[in-house]
Structures are given as structure tokens and as C-alpha cells.
């Protein structure tokens, strides 16, 4: 039974350490995306699908 308490304590300690590391990395800007905004204007035309003139004339 004491092994369960030991493992439970260790697992909670490891979870807290990973949570602190995650919060630290978010505050330091590790997950900020600095690449996508610079190339977004290059791909804007591909996102907008406009119907062609031929399909409008056939309707």
C-alpha cells in the first residue's frame, strides 16, 4: 500500500513540474507564431473560391 502512495505522490509531482514548464514556455513566447502572419497574404487568394464566369452564364 505504501508503494501506491509513493507512486501517487511522484506522479502528482511530475505533473506539477510539467505544468510549470508549460506555463513558463507560454510566458516566454515559445508558442507564438511569427511565421504565418508574414506569409498569410501570399495565400489569401487560394482561400477565396469565386465562381467562374462560365458557371454563371450557364445558369
PDB file of N, CA and C in Angstrom:
ATOM      1  N   UNK A   1       0.817  -1.193   0.000  1.00  0.00           N
ATOM      2  CA  UNK A   1       0.000   0.000   0.000  1.00  0.00           C
ATOM      3  C   UNK A   1       0.862   1.259   0.000  1.00  0.00           C
ATOM      4  N   UNK A   2       2.011   1.190   0.618  1.00  0.00           N
ATOM      5  CA  UNK A   2       2.880   2.366   0.657  1.00  0.00           C
ATOM      6  C   UNK A   2       3.448   2.684  -0.725  1.00  0.00           C
ATOM      7  N   UNK A   3       3.546   1.669  -1.596  1.00  0.00           N
ATOM      8  CA  UNK A   3       4.027   1.901  -2.958  1.00  0.00           C
ATOM      9  C   UNK A   3       3.024   2.759  -3.726  1.00  0.00           C
ATOM     10  N   UNK A   4       1.756   2.544  -3.505  1.00  0.00           N
ATOM     11  CA  UNK A   4       0.725   3.337  -4.178  1.00  0.00           C
ATOM     12  C   UNK A   4       0.832   4.800  -3.765  1.00  0.00           C
ATOM     13  N   UNK A   5       1.027   5.052  -2.498  1.00  0.00           N
ATOM     14  CA  UNK A   5       1.191   6.431  -2.030  1.00  0.00           C
ATOM     15  C   UNK A   5       2.438   7.072  -2.625  1.00  0.00           C
ATOM     16  N   UNK A   6       3.498   6.312  -2.712  1.00  0.00           N
ATOM     17  CA  UNK A   6       4.736   6.818  -3.288  1.00  0.00           C
ATOM     18  C   UNK A   6       4.545   7.143  -4.765  1.00  0.00           C
ATOM     19  N   UNK A   7       3.938   6.222  -5.512  1.00  0.00           N
ATOM     20  CA  UNK A   7       3.713   6.455  -6.939  1.00  0.00           C
ATOM     21  C   UNK A   7       2.735   7.601  -7.181  1.00  0.00           C
ATOM     22  N   UNK A   8       1.714   7.698  -6.355  1.00  0.00           N
ATOM     23  CA  UNK A   8       0.754   8.792  -6.487  1.00  0.00           C
ATOM     24  C   UNK A   8       1.431  10.138  -6.226  1.00  0.00           C
ATOM     25  N   UNK A   9       2.246  10.198  -5.214  1.00  0.00           N
ATOM     26  CA  UNK A   9       2.973  11.426  -4.902  1.00  0.00           C
ATOM     27  C   UNK A   9       3.940  11.796  -6.020  1.00  0.00           C
ATOM     28  N   UNK A  10       4.663  10.824  -6.533  1.00  0.00           N
ATOM     29  CA  UNK A  10       5.609  11.086  -7.622  1.00  0.00           C
ATOM     30  C   UNK A  10       4.893  11.527  -8.893  1.00  0.00           C
ATOM     31  N   UNK A  11       3.773  10.909  -9.198  1.00  0.00           N
ATOM     32  CA  UNK A  11       3.054  11.283 -10.419  1.00  0.00           C
ATOM     33  C   UNK A  11       2.480  12.692 -10.310  1.00  0.00           C
ATOM     34  N   UNK A  12       1.988  13.062  -9.148  1.00  0.00           N
ATOM     35  CA  UNK A  12       1.481  14.424  -8.959  1.00  0.00           C
ATOM     36  C   UNK A  12       2.630  15.417  -9.043  1.00  0.00           C
ATOM     37  N   UNK A  13       3.779  15.076  -8.488  1.00  0.00           N
ATOM     38  CA  UNK A  13       4.948  15.943  -8.554  1.00  0.00           C
ATOM     39  C   UNK A  13       5.417  16.131  -9.992  1.00  0.00           C
ATOM     40  N   UNK A  14       5.449  15.063 -10.772  1.00  0.00           N
ATOM     41  CA  UNK A  14       5.844  15.158 -12.186  1.00  0.00           C
ATOM     42  C   UNK A  14       4.831  15.993 -12.964  1.00  0.00           C
ATOM     43  N   UNK A  15       3.540  15.822 -12.684  1.00  0.00           N
ATOM     44  CA  UNK A  15       2.510  16.606 -13.368  1.00  0.00           C
ATOM     45  C   UNK A  15       2.665  18.094 -13.052  1.00  0.00           C
ATOM     46  N   UNK A  16       2.961  18.410 -11.810  1.00  0.00           N
ATOM     47  CA  UNK A  16       3.150  19.814 -11.430  1.00  0.00           C
ATOM     48  C   UNK A  16       4.380  20.396 -12.118  1.00  0.00           C
ATOM     49  N   UNK A  17       5.445  19.620 -12.217  1.00  0.00           N
ATOM     50  CA  UNK A  17       6.661  20.087 -12.888  1.00  0.00           C
ATOM     51  C   UNK A  17       6.386  20.364 -14.368  1.00  0.00           C
ATOM     52  N   UNK A  18       5.665  19.459 -15.037  1.00  0.00           N
ATOM     53  CA  UNK A  18       5.338  19.677 -16.447  1.00  0.00           C
ATOM     54  C   UNK A  18       4.406  20.873 -16.625  1.00  0.00           C
ATOM     55  N   UNK A  19       3.481  21.057 -15.707  1.00  0.00           N
ATOM     56  CA  UNK A  19       2.576  22.202 -15.785  1.00  0.00           C
ATOM     57  C   UNK A  19       3.345  23.514 -15.629  1.00  0.00           C
ATOM     58  N   UNK A  20       4.275  23.559 -14.687  1.00  0.00           N
ATOM     59  CA  UNK A  20       5.097  24.754 -14.500  1.00  0.00           C
ATOM     60  C   UNK A  20       5.960  25.004 -15.738  1.00  0.00           C
ATOM     61  N   UNK A  21       6.506  23.951 -16.328  1.00  0.00           N
ATOM     62  CA  UNK A  21       7.310  24.109 -17.542  1.00  0.00           C
ATOM     63  C   UNK A  21       6.452  24.622 -18.694  1.00  0.00           C
ATOM     64  N   UNK A  22       5.213  24.174 -18.790  1.00  0.00           N
ATOM     65  CA  UNK A  22       4.311  24.639 -19.836  1.00  0.00           C
ATOM     66  C   UNK A  22       3.982  26.115 -19.654  1.00  0.00           C
ATOM     67  N   UNK A  23       3.634  26.508 -18.450  1.00  0.00           N
ATOM     68  CA  UNK A  23       3.318  27.909 -18.167  1.00  0.00           C
ATOM     69  C   UNK A  23       4.534  28.795 -18.451  1.00  0.00           C
ATOM     70  N   UNK A  24       5.707  28.340 -18.065  1.00  0.00           N
ATOM     71  CA  UNK A  24       6.943  29.088 -18.308  1.00  0.00           C
ATOM     72  C   UNK A  24       7.184  29.273 -19.805  1.00  0.00           C
ATOM     73  N   UNK A  25       6.978  28.214 -20.584  1.00  0.00           N
ATOM     74  CA  UNK A  25       7.220  28.318 -22.027  1.00  0.00           C
ATOM     75  C   UNK A  25       6.190  29.207 -22.710  1.00  0.00           C
ATOM     76  N   UNK A  26       4.958  29.198 -22.239  1.00  0.00           N
ATOM     77  CA  UNK A  26       3.935  30.077 -22.821  1.00  0.00           C
ATOM     78  C   UNK A  26       4.260  31.533 -22.520  1.00  0.00           C
ATOM     79  N   UNK A  27       4.683  31.818 -21.307  1.00  0.00           N
ATOM     80  CA  UNK A  27       5.012  33.204 -20.948  1.00  0.00           C
ATOM     81  C   UNK A  27       6.251  33.703 -21.678  1.00  0.00           C
ATOM     82  N   UNK A  28       7.151  32.820 -22.029  1.00  0.00           N
ATOM     83  CA  UNK A  28       8.364  33.223 -22.745  1.00  0.00           C
ATOM     84  C   UNK A  28       8.141  33.320 -24.243  1.00  0.00           C
ATOM     85  N   UNK A  29       6.945  32.969 -24.737  1.00  0.00           N
ATOM     86  CA  UNK A  29       6.623  33.117 -26.148  1.00  0.00           C
ATOM     87  C   UNK A  29       7.011  31.936 -27.006  1.00  0.00           C
ATOM     88  N   UNK A  30       7.148  30.775 -26.416  1.00  0.00           N
ATOM     89  CA  UNK A  30       7.553  29.591 -27.165  1.00  0.00           C
ATOM     90  C   UNK A  30       6.525  29.218 -28.229  1.00  0.00           C
ATOM     91  N   UNK A  31       5.248  29.467 -27.953  1.00  0.00           N
ATOM     92  CA  UNK A  31       4.199  29.045 -28.876  1.00  0.00           C
ATOM     93  C   UNK A  31       3.690  30.183 -29.748  1.00  0.00           C
ATOM     94  N   UNK A  32       4.340  31.335 -29.739  1.00  0.00           N
ATOM     95  CA  UNK A  32       3.949  32.432 -30.612  1.00  0.00           C
ATOM     96  C   UNK A  32       4.301  32.074 -32.052  1.00  0.00           C
ATOM     97  N   UNK A  33       3.379  32.352 -32.933  1.00  0.00           N
ATOM     98  CA  UNK A  33       3.580  32.048 -34.348  1.00  0.00           C
ATOM     99  C   UNK A  33       4.029  33.313 -35.066  1.00  0.00           C
ATOM    100  N   UNK A  34       5.291  33.382 -35.380  1.00  0.00           N
ATOM    101  CA  UNK A  34       5.801  34.566 -36.063  1.00  0.00           C
ATOM    102  C   UNK A  34       5.955  34.337 -37.567  1.00  0.00           C
ATOM    103  N   UNK A  35       5.748  33.129 -38.038  1.00  0.00           N
ATOM    104  CA  UNK A  35       5.932  32.827 -39.462  1.00  0.00           C
ATOM    105  C   UNK A  35       4.643  33.016 -40.256  1.00  0.00           C
ATOM    106  N   UNK A  36       3.540  32.527 -39.766  1.00  0.00           N
ATOM    107  CA  UNK A  36       2.294  32.531 -40.521  1.00  0.00           C
ATOM    108  C   UNK A  36       1.819  33.931 -40.908  1.00  0.00           C
ATOM    109  N   UNK A  37       1.838  34.930 -40.025  1.00  0.00           N
ATOM    110  CA  UNK A  37       1.368  36.252 -40.459  1.00  0.00           C
ATOM    111  C   UNK A  37       2.169  36.831 -41.626  1.00  0.00           C
ATOM    112  N   UNK A  38       3.432  36.497 -41.719  1.00  0.00           N
ATOM    113  CA  UNK A  38       4.240  37.064 -42.803  1.00  0.00           C
ATOM    114  C   UNK A  38       3.926  36.438 -44.156  1.00  0.00           C
ATOM    115  N   UNK A  39       3.407  35.229 -44.199  1.00  0.00           N
ATOM    116  CA  UNK A  39       3.098  34.590 -45.477  1.00  0.00           C
ATOM    117  C   UNK A  39       1.600  34.475 -45.733  1.00  0.00           C
ATOM    118  N   UNK A  40       0.782  34.949 -44.816  1.00  0.00           N
ATOM    119  CA  UNK A  40      -0.672  34.827 -44.977  1.00  0.00           C
ATOM    120  C   UNK A  40      -1.158  35.564 -46.211  1.00  0.00           C
ATOM    121  N   UNK A  41      -0.563  36.717 -46.504  1.00  0.00           N
ATOM    122  CA  UNK A  41      -1.014  37.486 -47.663  1.00  0.00           C
ATOM    123  C   UNK A  41      -0.710  36.769 -48.970  1.00  0.00           C
ATOM    124  N   UNK A  42       0.245  35.850 -48.968  1.00  0.00           N
ATOM    125  CA  UNK A  42       0.566  35.114 -50.185  1.00  0.00           C
ATOM    126  C   UNK A  42      -0.487  34.064 -50.518  1.00  0.00           C
ATOM    127  N   UNK A  43      -1.196  33.590 -49.509  1.00  0.00           N
ATOM    128  CA  UNK A  43      -2.152  32.510 -49.712  1.00  0.00           C
ATOM    129  C   UNK A  43      -3.600  32.951 -49.573  1.00  0.00           C
ATOM    130  N   UNK A  44      -3.872  34.239 -49.436  1.00  0.00           N
ATOM    131  CA  UNK A  44      -5.246  34.712 -49.289  1.00  0.00           C
ATOM    132  C   UNK A  44      -6.093  34.386 -50.506  1.00  0.00           C
ATOM    133  N   UNK A  45      -5.536  34.484 -51.695  1.00  0.00           N
ATOM    134  CA  UNK A  45      -6.307  34.230 -52.909  1.00  0.00           C
ATOM    135  C   UNK A  45      -6.722  32.780 -53.030  1.00  0.00           C
ATOM    136  N   UNK A  46      -5.945  31.876 -52.480  1.00  0.00           N
ATOM    137  CA  UNK A  46      -6.292  30.461 -52.569  1.00  0.00           C
ATOM    138  C   UNK A  46      -7.455  30.105 -51.653  1.00  0.00           C
ATOM    139  N   UNK A  47      -7.673  30.877 -50.588  1.00  0.00           N
ATOM    140  CA  UNK A  47      -8.744  30.574 -49.652  1.00  0.00           C
ATOM    141  C   UNK A  47     -10.107  30.998 -50.173  1.00  0.00           C
ATOM    142  N   UNK A  48     -10.153  32.028 -51.001  1.00  0.00           N
ATOM    143  CA  UNK A  48     -11.416  32.551 -51.511  1.00  0.00           C
ATOM    144  C   UNK A  48     -11.736  31.840 -52.813  1.00  0.00           C
ATOM    145  N   UNK A  49     -12.867  31.163 -52.847  1.00  0.00           N
ATOM    146  CA  UNK A  49     -13.307  30.471 -54.054  1.00  0.00           C
ATOM    147  C   UNK A  49     -14.435  31.279 -54.684  1.00  0.00           C
ATOM    148  N   UNK A  50     -14.174  31.862 -55.841  1.00  0.00           N
ATOM    149  CA  UNK A  50     -15.206  32.609 -56.537  1.00  0.00           C
ATOM    150  C   UNK A  50     -15.676  31.783 -57.728  1.00  0.00           C
ATOM    151  N   UNK A  51     -16.956  31.793 -57.978  1.00  0.00           N
ATOM    152  CA  UNK A  51     -17.462  31.036 -59.129  1.00  0.00           C
ATOM    153  C   UNK A  51     -16.974  31.653 -60.428  1.00  0.00           C
ATOM    154  N   UNK A  52     -16.695  30.815 -61.382  1.00  0.00           N
ATOM    155  CA  UNK A  52     -16.199  31.298 -62.668  1.00  0.00           C
ATOM    156  C   UNK A  52     -17.345  31.915 -63.475  1.00  0.00           C
ATOM    157  N   UNK A  53     -16.994  32.662 -64.505  1.00  0.00           N
ATOM    158  CA  UNK A  53     -17.985  33.327 -65.347  1.00  0.00           C
ATOM    159  C   UNK A  53     -18.799  32.308 -66.123  1.00  0.00           C
ATOM    160  N   UNK A  54     -18.180  31.210 -66.500  1.00  0.00           N
ATOM    161  CA  UNK A  54     -18.882  30.197 -67.294  1.00  0.00           C
ATOM    162  C   UNK A  54     -20.007  29.577 -66.528  1.00  0.00           C
ATOM    163  N   UNK A  55     -19.816  29.312 -65.234  1.00  0.00           N
ATOM    164  CA  UNK A  55     -20.880  28.692 -64.454  1.00  0.00           C
ATOM    165  C   UNK A  55     -22.043  29.661 -64.224  1.00  0.00           C
ATOM    166  N   UNK A  56     -21.778  30.961 -64.177  1.00  0.00           N
ATOM    167  CA  UNK A  56     -22.846  31.942 -64.029  1.00  0.00           C
ATOM    168  C   UNK A  56     -23.657  32.040 -65.310  1.00  0.00           C
ATOM    169  N   UNK A  57     -23.008  31.935 -66.461  1.00  0.00           N
ATOM    170  CA  UNK A  57     -23.704  32.088 -67.747  1.00  0.00           C
ATOM    171  C   UNK A  57     -24.583  30.869 -68.045  1.00  0.00           C
ATOM    172  N   UNK A  58     -24.203  29.703 -67.583  1.00  0.00           N
ATOM    173  CA  UNK A  58     -24.986  28.501 -67.877  1.00  0.00           C
ATOM    174  C   UNK A  58     -26.229  28.390 -67.018  1.00  0.00           C
ATOM    175  N   UNK A  59     -26.275  29.099 -65.917  1.00  0.00           N
ATOM    176  CA  UNK A  59     -27.456  29.015 -65.018  1.00  0.00           C
ATOM    177  C   UNK A  59     -28.562  29.824 -65.513  1.00  0.00           C
TER     178      UNK A  59
END
